[in-house]
Amino acid sequence: MTARVSWISLTPVKALALHQVDEVDVLETGLRGDRRFFLVDGNGRLVNDKRHGPLQCVRAEYDDGARTLTLRFADGAVVSDVVEAGGEIETNFHHTPKRARLVVGPWNEPLSEVACTAVRLVEPAQPAPDRGPDGAATLLGDGSLTAIAGVLGVPSLDVRRFRMNFGVEGLDPHAEDGWIGRRVRVGEAVVVPQGNVGRCAITTQDPETGLRDLDTLGALADYRGDVETTEPLPFGVHAAVASPGRVRLGDLVEPL
């Protein structure tokens, strides 16, 4: 079976609900519009879904031209305004210093209520993917999703649970691991997978509720714990972008 792009996911604000889109521009810095903003606590430390799962129930929409950010909350509330840059701060982003600008606007209070802790919305001073250039895009085979669903004893898994950019149909389970170090064409873009994505507690949470409902980490330890990998509990791969380009649902995915 020919490998093709089966789904595309991104979010304008890291930790908030993922969008499923039909096409996207892949840049050297990542997917256009993906993780344009992130959240920090009062000490400048990154806030994610590990301890604040319900943030996944908030949907962000960002209009880059108008600089307008809209947040849609689970209770139906909508908060929207023009993004204004505030002062610069140094954040702790996955234990790495990262300069960012505070975002002036009405979003902090309602997001803090959802997170049950004080959070601040910030914008990176320089756009960069979470893992740096080596993690500009992430890929996961649908066969891998089927494999872990079988281990967990469930019919299927929501693709959003693993918060990856591209799904690939037509692959054997974990065949994407074999792409590490190889050039892979994804639609009009060319990426080079650099390593495995080691999984964390976020994958145990239902993306619809943000609540823990499946022991995905235990499942990975059971059937992937002995795999030679760049990170523990591997599931999917992260990639650098060698050639930017447009990627659409149904596009071919092929090693070069």
C-alpha atoms as a PDB file:
ATOM      1  CA  MET A   1       0.000   0.000   0.000  1.00  0.00           C
ATOM      2  CA  THR A   2       1.257   3.489  -0.853  1.00  0.00           C
ATOM      3  CA  ALA A   3       2.009   5.665   2.197  1.00  0.00           C
ATOM      4  CA  ARG A   4       0.005   8.891   2.302  1.00  0.00           C
ATOM      5  CA  VAL A   5      -0.735  11.743   4.690  1.00  0.00           C
ATOM      6  CA  SER A   6      -3.851  10.725   6.634  1.00  0.00           C
ATOM      7  CA  TRP A   7      -4.195  13.646   9.055  1.00  0.00           C
ATOM      8  CA  ILE A   8      -2.558  16.973   9.901  1.00  0.00           C
ATOM      9  CA  SER A   9      -2.659  18.518  13.385  1.00  0.00           C
ATOM     10  CA  LEU A  10      -1.508  21.829  14.824  1.00  0.00           C
ATOM     11  CA  THR A  11      -2.477  24.423  17.410  1.00  0.00           C
ATOM     12  CA  PRO A  12      -1.724  28.163  17.613  1.00  0.00           C
ATOM     13  CA  VAL A  13      -1.163  27.902  21.385  1.00  0.00           C
ATOM     14  CA  LYS A  14       0.915  25.058  22.779  1.00  0.00           C
ATOM     15  CA  ALA A  15      -1.102  22.870  25.212  1.00  0.00           C
ATOM     16  CA  LEU A  16      -4.492  23.950  23.830  1.00  0.00           C
ATOM     17  CA  ALA A  17      -6.795  21.900  21.595  1.00  0.00           C
ATOM     18  CA  LEU A  18      -5.362  20.598  18.337  1.00  0.00           C
ATOM     19  CA  HIS A  19      -6.827  21.626  14.976  1.00  0.00           C
ATOM     20  CA  GLN A  20      -7.260  19.011  12.269  1.00  0.00           C
ATOM     21  CA  VAL A  21      -6.536  20.757   8.950  1.00  0.00           C
ATOM     22  CA  ASP A  22      -6.563  19.763   5.271  1.00  0.00           C
ATOM     23  CA  GLU A  23      -3.267  21.398   4.281  1.00  0.00           C
ATOM     24  CA  VAL A  24      -0.380  23.356   5.747  1.00  0.00           C
ATOM     25  CA  ASP A  25       2.905  25.031   4.809  1.00  0.00           C
ATOM     26  CA  VAL A  26       5.915  23.293   6.316  1.00  0.00           C
ATOM     27  CA  LEU A  27       8.731  25.740   7.044  1.00  0.00           C
ATOM     28  CA  GLU A  28      12.235  25.199   8.418  1.00  0.00           C
ATOM     29  CA  THR A  29      10.882  26.476  11.746  1.00  0.00           C
ATOM     30  CA  GLY A  30       7.887  24.123  11.716  1.00  0.00           C
ATOM     31  CA  LEU A  31       4.307  24.117  10.483  1.00  0.00           C
ATOM     32  CA  ARG A  32       3.002  27.582   9.709  1.00  0.00           C
ATOM     33  CA  GLY A  33       0.821  28.696  12.612  1.00  0.00           C
ATOM     34  CA  ASP A  34       1.725  25.805  14.903  1.00  0.00           C
ATOM     35  CA  ARG A  35       2.516  26.638  18.544  1.00  0.00           C
ATOM     36  CA  ARG A  36       2.731  30.335  17.812  1.00  0.00           C
ATOM     37  CA  PHE A  37       2.273  31.030  21.537  1.00  0.00           C
ATOM     38  CA  PHE A  38       2.789  29.128  24.780  1.00  0.00           C
ATOM     39  CA  LEU A  39       1.923  29.453  28.465  1.00  0.00           C
ATOM     40  CA  VAL A  40       4.160  29.997  31.477  1.00  0.00           C
ATOM     41  CA  ASP A  41       3.611  30.187  35.216  1.00  0.00           C
ATOM     42  CA  GLY A  42       4.617  33.037  37.506  1.00  0.00           C
ATOM     43  CA  ASN A  43       8.234  31.882  37.441  1.00  0.00           C
ATOM     44  CA  GLY A  44       8.384  31.794  33.645  1.00  0.00           C
ATOM     45  CA  ARG A  45       8.278  28.001  33.540  1.00  0.00           C
ATOM     46  CA  LEU A  46       6.457  26.308  30.649  1.00  0.00           C
ATOM     47  CA  VAL A  47       2.920  25.183  31.474  1.00  0.00           C
ATOM     48  CA  ASN A  48       1.747  22.093  29.597  1.00  0.00           C
ATOM     49  CA  ASP A  49      -0.951  19.433  29.801  1.00  0.00           C
ATOM     50  CA  LYS A  50       0.884  17.020  32.108  1.00  0.00           C
ATOM     51  CA  ARG A  51      -0.608  18.700  35.175  1.00  0.00           C
ATOM     52  CA  HIS A  52      -3.203  20.858  33.446  1.00  0.00           C
ATOM     53  CA  GLY A  53      -4.999  18.495  31.075  1.00  0.00           C
ATOM     54  CA  PRO A  54      -8.242  20.518  30.763  1.00  0.00           C
ATOM     55  CA  LEU A  55      -6.312  23.143  28.783  1.00  0.00           C
ATOM     56  CA  GLN A  56      -6.815  20.734  25.858  1.00  0.00           C
ATOM     57  CA  CYS A  57     -10.509  21.673  25.927  1.00  0.00           C
ATOM     58  CA  VAL A  58      -9.740  25.288  24.925  1.00  0.00           C
ATOM     59  CA  ARG A  59      -9.580  25.966  21.185  1.00  0.00           C
ATOM     60  CA  ALA A  60      -7.364  28.792  19.926  1.00  0.00           C
ATOM     61  CA  GLU A  61      -7.736  30.513  16.550  1.00  0.00           C
ATOM     62  CA  TYR A  62      -5.112  32.990  15.373  1.00  0.00           C
ATOM     63  CA  ASP A  63      -5.296  35.375  12.415  1.00  0.00           C
ATOM     64  CA  ASP A  64      -1.680  36.248  11.678  1.00  0.00           C
ATOM     65  CA  GLY A  65      -2.532  39.131   9.334  1.00  0.00           C
ATOM     66  CA  ALA A  66      -4.884  40.850  11.771  1.00  0.00           C
ATOM     67  CA  ARG A  67      -2.877  39.676  14.833  1.00  0.00           C
ATOM     68  CA  THR A  68      -6.147  38.517  16.391  1.00  0.00           C
ATOM     69  CA  LEU A  69      -6.293  35.657  18.883  1.00  0.00           C
ATOM     70  CA  THR A  70      -9.603  34.010  19.748  1.00  0.00           C
ATOM     71  CA  LEU A  71     -10.062  31.438  22.510  1.00  0.00           C
ATOM     72  CA  ARG A  72     -13.172  29.248  22.637  1.00  0.00           C
ATOM     73  CA  PHE A  73     -13.852  27.584  25.982  1.00  0.00           C
ATOM     74  CA  ALA A  74     -15.745  24.392  26.795  1.00  0.00           C
ATOM     75  CA  ASP A  75     -18.562  26.331  28.489  1.00  0.00           C
ATOM     76  CA  GLY A  76     -19.206  28.327  25.297  1.00  0.00           C
ATOM     77  CA  ALA A  77     -17.354  31.483  26.370  1.00  0.00           C
ATOM     78  CA  VAL A  78     -15.322  33.249  23.683  1.00  0.00           C
ATOM     79  CA  VAL A  79     -12.447  35.669  24.352  1.00  0.00           C
ATOM     80  CA  SER A  80     -10.987  37.533  21.377  1.00  0.00           C
ATOM     81  CA  ASP A  81      -8.730  40.536  20.917  1.00  0.00           C
ATOM     82  CA  VAL A  82      -5.775  41.925  19.018  1.00  0.00           C
ATOM     83  CA  VAL A  83      -2.439  40.601  20.254  1.00  0.00           C
ATOM     84  CA  GLU A  84      -0.174  43.300  21.688  1.00  0.00           C
ATOM     85  CA  ALA A  85       3.406  42.557  22.680  1.00  0.00           C
ATOM     86  CA  GLY A  86       4.472  43.356  26.225  1.00  0.00           C
ATOM     87  CA  GLY A  87       7.845  43.169  27.912  1.00  0.00           C
ATOM     88  CA  GLU A  88      10.404  40.435  27.299  1.00  0.00           C
ATOM     89  CA  ILE A  89      11.026  37.709  29.850  1.00  0.00           C
ATOM     90  CA  GLU A  90      13.254  34.657  29.973  1.00  0.00           C
ATOM     91  CA  THR A  91      11.230  31.457  30.176  1.00  0.00           C
ATOM     92  CA  ASN A  92      12.161  27.937  31.196  1.00  0.00           C
ATOM     93  CA  PHE A  93      11.099  25.897  28.166  1.00  0.00           C
ATOM     94  CA  HIS A  94      11.666  22.182  28.814  1.00  0.00           C
ATOM     95  CA  HIS A  95      14.618  23.131  31.047  1.00  0.00           C
ATOM     96  CA  THR A  96      16.078  25.365  28.319  1.00  0.00           C
ATOM     97  CA  PRO A  97      16.166  29.197  28.558  1.00  0.00           C
ATOM     98  CA  LYS A  98      13.957  30.806  25.923  1.00  0.00           C
ATOM     99  CA  ARG A  99      13.293  34.503  25.419  1.00  0.00           C
ATOM    100  CA  ALA A 100       9.644  35.452  24.982  1.00  0.00           C
ATOM    101  CA  ARG A 101       7.366  38.495  25.033  1.00  0.00           C
ATOM    102  CA  LEU A 102       4.409  38.742  27.355  1.00  0.00           C
ATOM    103  CA  VAL A 103       1.138  38.986  25.430  1.00  0.00           C
ATOM    104  CA  VAL A 104      -1.058  41.872  26.526  1.00  0.00           C
ATOM    105  CA  GLY A 105      -4.763  41.047  26.388  1.00  0.00           C
ATOM    106  CA  PRO A 106      -7.743  39.377  28.092  1.00  0.00           C
ATOM    107  CA  TRP A 107      -6.591  35.744  27.898  1.00  0.00           C
ATOM    108  CA  ASN A 108      -4.624  35.102  31.098  1.00  0.00           C
ATOM    109  CA  GLU A 109      -7.521  35.135  33.556  1.00  0.00           C
ATOM    110  CA  PRO A 110      -9.806  32.639  31.771  1.00  0.00           C
ATOM    111  CA  LEU A 111      -6.870  30.358  30.933  1.00  0.00           C
ATOM    112  CA  SER A 112      -5.765  30.445  34.578  1.00  0.00           C
ATOM    113  CA  GLU A 113      -9.263  29.363  35.630  1.00  0.00           C
ATOM    114  CA  VAL A 114      -9.071  26.341  33.327  1.00  0.00           C
ATOM    115  CA  ALA A 115      -5.533  25.450  34.428  1.00  0.00           C
ATOM    116  CA  CYS A 116      -6.405  25.994  38.113  1.00  0.00           C
ATOM    117  CA  THR A 117      -3.181  27.965  38.467  1.00  0.00           C
ATOM    118  CA  ALA A 118      -1.953  31.382  37.373  1.00  0.00           C
ATOM    119  CA  VAL A 119      -0.659  31.288  33.794  1.00  0.00           C
ATOM    120  CA  ARG A 120       0.555  33.924  31.349  1.00  0.00           C
ATOM    121  CA  LEU A 121       0.383  33.845  27.571  1.00  0.00           C
ATOM    122  CA  VAL A 122       3.693  34.541  25.839  1.00  0.00           C
ATOM    123  CA  GLU A 123       5.052  34.728  22.305  1.00  0.00           C
ATOM    124  CA  PRO A 124       8.563  33.445  21.507  1.00  0.00           C
ATOM    125  CA  ALA A 125      11.015  36.205  20.637  1.00  0.00           C
ATOM    126  CA  GLN A 126      12.203  34.004  17.745  1.00  0.00           C
ATOM    127  CA  PRO A 127       9.934  31.317  16.236  1.00  0.00           C
ATOM    128  CA  ALA A 128      11.408  27.876  16.902  1.00  0.00           C
ATOM    129  CA  PRO A 129      10.002  24.356  17.293  1.00  0.00           C
ATOM    130  CA  ASP A 130       9.958  22.686  20.714  1.00  0.00           C
ATOM    131  CA  ARG A 131      12.975  20.501  19.963  1.00  0.00           C
ATOM    132  CA  GLY A 132      14.777  23.108  17.892  1.00  0.00           C
ATOM    133  CA  PRO A 133      15.450  22.558  14.171  1.00  0.00           C
ATOM    134  CA  ASP A 134      15.590  18.774  14.681  1.00  0.00           C
ATOM    135  CA  GLY A 135      11.928  18.779  15.697  1.00  0.00           C
ATOM    136  CA  ALA A 136      10.320  21.084  13.162  1.00  0.00           C
ATOM    137  CA  ALA A 137       7.774  18.387  12.247  1.00  0.00           C
ATOM    138  CA  THR A 138       6.587  15.133  13.796  1.00  0.00           C
ATOM    139  CA  LEU A 139       5.260  12.012  12.064  1.00  0.00           C
ATOM    140  CA  LEU A 140       3.328   8.997  13.284  1.00  0.00           C
ATOM    141  CA  GLY A 141       2.143   5.982  11.308  1.00  0.00           C
ATOM    142  CA  ASP A 142      -1.498   4.974  11.619  1.00  0.00           C
ATOM    143  CA  GLY A 143      -0.218   1.398  11.901  1.00  0.00           C
ATOM    144  CA  SER A 144       1.522   2.396  15.133  1.00  0.00           C
ATOM    145  CA  LEU A 145      -1.776   3.721  16.498  1.00  0.00           C
ATOM    146  CA  THR A 146      -3.454   0.423  15.645  1.00  0.00           C
ATOM    147  CA  ALA A 147      -0.654  -1.496  17.366  1.00  0.00           C
ATOM    148  CA  ILE A 148      -0.872   0.349  20.682  1.00  0.00           C
ATOM    149  CA  ALA A 149      -4.676   0.234  20.601  1.00  0.00           C
ATOM    150  CA  GLY A 150      -4.384  -3.559  20.423  1.00  0.00           C
ATOM    151  CA  VAL A 151      -2.045  -3.624  23.424  1.00  0.00           C
ATOM    152  CA  LEU A 152      -4.463  -1.404  25.366  1.00  0.00           C
ATOM    153  CA  GLY A 153      -7.445  -3.529  24.325  1.00  0.00           C
ATOM    154  CA  VAL A 154      -9.418  -0.669  22.765  1.00  0.00           C
ATOM    155  CA  PRO A 155     -10.852  -0.459  19.222  1.00  0.00           C
ATOM    156  CA  SER A 156      -8.962   2.711  18.282  1.00  0.00           C
ATOM    157  CA  LEU A 157      -7.267   5.820  19.648  1.00  0.00           C
ATOM    158  CA  ASP A 158      -7.922   9.479  18.964  1.00  0.00           C
ATOM    159  CA  VAL A 159      -4.954  10.698  16.901  1.00  0.00           C
ATOM    160  CA  ARG A 160      -4.901  13.929  18.926  1.00  0.00           C
ATOM    161  CA  ARG A 161      -3.823  12.034  22.045  1.00  0.00           C
ATOM    162  CA  PHE A 162      -0.193  11.963  20.856  1.00  0.00           C
ATOM    163  CA  ARG A 163      -0.135  15.597  19.656  1.00  0.00           C
ATOM    164  CA  MET A 164       1.796  14.895  16.439  1.00  0.00           C
ATOM    165  CA  ASN A 165       1.777  16.919  13.216  1.00  0.00           C
ATOM    166  CA  PHE A 166       1.372  14.291  10.498  1.00  0.00           C
ATOM    167  CA  GLY A 167      -0.293  10.907  10.369  1.00  0.00           C
ATOM    168  CA  VAL A 168       0.830   8.446   7.695  1.00  0.00           C
ATOM    169  CA  GLU A 169      -1.384   5.627   6.458  1.00  0.00           C
ATOM    170  CA  GLY A 170      -0.085   2.596   4.578  1.00  0.00           C
ATOM    171  CA  LEU A 171       2.808   1.739   6.918  1.00  0.00           C
ATOM    172  CA  ASP A 172       3.466  -1.307   9.071  1.00  0.00           C
ATOM    173  CA  PRO A 173       3.475  -0.557  12.820  1.00  0.00           C
ATOM    174  CA  HIS A 174       6.437   1.656  13.721  1.00  0.00           C
ATOM    175  CA  ALA A 175       7.852   1.591  10.197  1.00  0.00           C
ATOM    176  CA  GLU A 176       8.502   5.334  10.603  1.00  0.00           C
ATOM    177  CA  ASP A 177      11.321   4.449  13.032  1.00  0.00           C
ATOM    178  CA  GLY A 178      13.279   3.179  10.030  1.00  0.00           C
ATOM    179  CA  TRP A 179      13.256   6.667   8.491  1.00  0.00           C
ATOM    180  CA  ILE A 180      15.583   8.178  11.097  1.00  0.00           C
ATOM    181  CA  GLY A 181      18.512   9.755   9.263  1.00  0.00           C
ATOM    182  CA  ARG A 182      16.850   9.421   5.831  1.00  0.00           C
ATOM    183  CA  ARG A 183      15.326  12.077   3.596  1.00  0.00           C
ATOM    184  CA  VAL A 184      11.561  11.608   3.348  1.00  0.00           C
ATOM    185  CA  ARG A 185       9.263  13.441   0.965  1.00  0.00           C
ATOM    186  CA  VAL A 186       5.990  14.519   2.567  1.00  0.00           C
ATOM    187  CA  GLY A 187       3.854  16.208  -0.059  1.00  0.00           C
ATOM    188  CA  GLU A 188       5.944  19.093  -1.442  1.00  0.00           C
ATOM    189  CA  ALA A 189       8.254  19.152   1.602  1.00  0.00           C
ATOM    190  CA  VAL A 190      11.294  17.026   2.393  1.00  0.00           C
ATOM    191  CA  VAL A 191      12.040  16.164   6.012  1.00  0.00           C
ATOM    192  CA  VAL A 192      14.804  14.194   7.717  1.00  0.00           C
ATOM    193  CA  PRO A 193      13.687  12.335  10.868  1.00  0.00           C
ATOM    194  CA  GLN A 194      16.274  12.860  13.593  1.00  0.00           C
ATOM    195  CA  GLY A 195      15.016  10.626  16.375  1.00  0.00           C
ATOM    196  CA  ASN A 196      12.153   8.991  18.235  1.00  0.00           C
ATOM    197  CA  VAL A 197       9.583  10.960  20.183  1.00  0.00           C
ATOM    198  CA  GLY A 198       9.667   9.704  23.765  1.00  0.00           C
ATOM    199  CA  ARG A 199       6.227   9.842  25.298  1.00  0.00           C
ATOM    200  CA  CYS A 200       5.014  11.463  28.520  1.00  0.00           C
ATOM    201  CA  ALA A 201       1.903  11.527  30.707  1.00  0.00           C
ATOM    202  CA  ILE A 202      -0.017  13.765  28.281  1.00  0.00           C
ATOM    203  CA  THR A 203      -0.685  10.682  26.139  1.00  0.00           C
ATOM    204  CA  THR A 204      -2.637   9.114  29.015  1.00  0.00           C
ATOM    205  CA  GLN A 205      -5.253  11.895  28.787  1.00  0.00           C
ATOM    206  CA  ASP A 206      -8.445  11.952  26.731  1.00  0.00           C
ATOM    207  CA  PRO A 207      -8.027  14.958  24.376  1.00  0.00           C
ATOM    208  CA  GLU A 208     -11.752  15.704  24.687  1.00  0.00           C
ATOM    209  CA  THR A 209     -11.670  16.084  28.482  1.00  0.00           C
ATOM    210  CA  GLY A 210      -8.007  16.374  29.445  1.00  0.00           C
ATOM    211  CA  LEU A 211      -8.582  13.611  32.029  1.00  0.00           C
ATOM    212  CA  ARG A 212      -6.446  10.475  32.367  1.00  0.00           C
ATOM    213  CA  ASP A 213      -8.232   7.437  30.945  1.00  0.00           C
ATOM    214  CA  LEU A 214      -5.624   5.073  29.420  1.00  0.00           C
ATOM    215  CA  ASP A 215      -2.238   3.765  30.566  1.00  0.00           C
ATOM    216  CA  THR A 216      -0.444   4.482  27.290  1.00  0.00           C
ATOM    217  CA  LEU A 217       2.931   4.679  29.036  1.00  0.00           C
ATOM    218  CA  GLY A 218       2.480   1.247  30.577  1.00  0.00           C
ATOM    219  CA  ALA A 219       1.501  -0.129  27.168  1.00  0.00           C
ATOM    220  CA  LEU A 220       4.597   1.372  25.540  1.00  0.00           C
ATOM    221  CA  ALA A 221       6.800  -0.013  28.305  1.00  0.00           C
ATOM    222  CA  ASP A 222       5.272  -3.462  27.808  1.00  0.00           C
ATOM    223  CA  TYR A 223       5.786  -3.772  24.066  1.00  0.00           C
ATOM    224  CA  ARG A 224       8.338  -1.067  23.184  1.00  0.00           C
ATOM    225  CA  GLY A 225      10.470  -0.950  26.320  1.00  0.00           C
ATOM    226  CA  ASP A 226      13.295  -3.001  24.802  1.00  0.00           C
ATOM    227  CA  VAL A 227      13.423  -1.151  21.474  1.00  0.00           C
ATOM    228  CA  GLU A 228      16.703   0.589  20.615  1.00  0.00           C
ATOM    229  CA  THR A 229      15.656   4.220  20.615  1.00  0.00           C
ATOM    230  CA  THR A 230      16.870   7.802  20.938  1.00  0.00           C
ATOM    231  CA  GLU A 231      14.337   8.497  23.734  1.00  0.00           C
ATOM    232  CA  PRO A 232      12.505   6.213  26.198  1.00  0.00           C
ATOM    233  CA  LEU A 233       8.979   4.986  25.375  1.00  0.00           C
ATOM    234  CA  PRO A 234       9.250   5.788  21.653  1.00  0.00           C
ATOM    235  CA  PHE A 235       6.160   6.515  19.575  1.00  0.00           C
ATOM    236  CA  GLY A 236       6.612   8.409  16.313  1.00  0.00           C
ATOM    237  CA  VAL A 237       9.559  10.455  15.079  1.00  0.00           C
ATOM    238  CA  HIS A 238      10.630  14.105  15.049  1.00  0.00           C
ATOM    239  CA  ALA A 239      12.208  15.595  11.936  1.00  0.00           C
ATOM    240  CA  ALA A 240      14.196  18.519  10.577  1.00  0.00           C
ATOM    241  CA  VAL A 241      12.907  20.212   7.427  1.00  0.00           C
ATOM    242  CA  ALA A 242      15.347  19.941   4.507  1.00  0.00           C
ATOM    243  CA  SER A 243      13.045  21.530   1.918  1.00  0.00           C
ATOM    244  CA  PRO A 244       9.969  23.573   2.893  1.00  0.00           C
ATOM    245  CA  GLY A 245       6.739  22.993   1.010  1.00  0.00           C
ATOM    246  CA  ARG A 246       2.992  22.547   1.089  1.00  0.00           C
ATOM    247  CA  VAL A 247       1.518  19.338   2.517  1.00  0.00           C
ATOM    248  CA  ARG A 248      -2.064  18.232   1.909  1.00  0.00           C
ATOM    249  CA  LEU A 249      -4.195  15.335   3.063  1.00  0.00           C
ATOM    250  CA  GLY A 250      -3.638  12.381   0.752  1.00  0.00           C
ATOM    251  CA  ASP A 251      -0.170  13.496  -0.363  1.00  0.00           C
ATOM    252  CA  LEU A 252       2.438  10.797  -0.931  1.00  0.00           C
ATOM    253  CA  VAL A 253       4.975  10.059   1.798  1.00  0.00           C
ATOM    254  CA  GLU A 254       8.102   8.304   0.562  1.00  0.00           C
ATOM    255  CA  PRO A 255      11.751   7.881   1.580  1.00  0.00           C
ATOM    256  CA  LEU A 256      14.153   9.263  -1.036  1.00  0.00           C
END
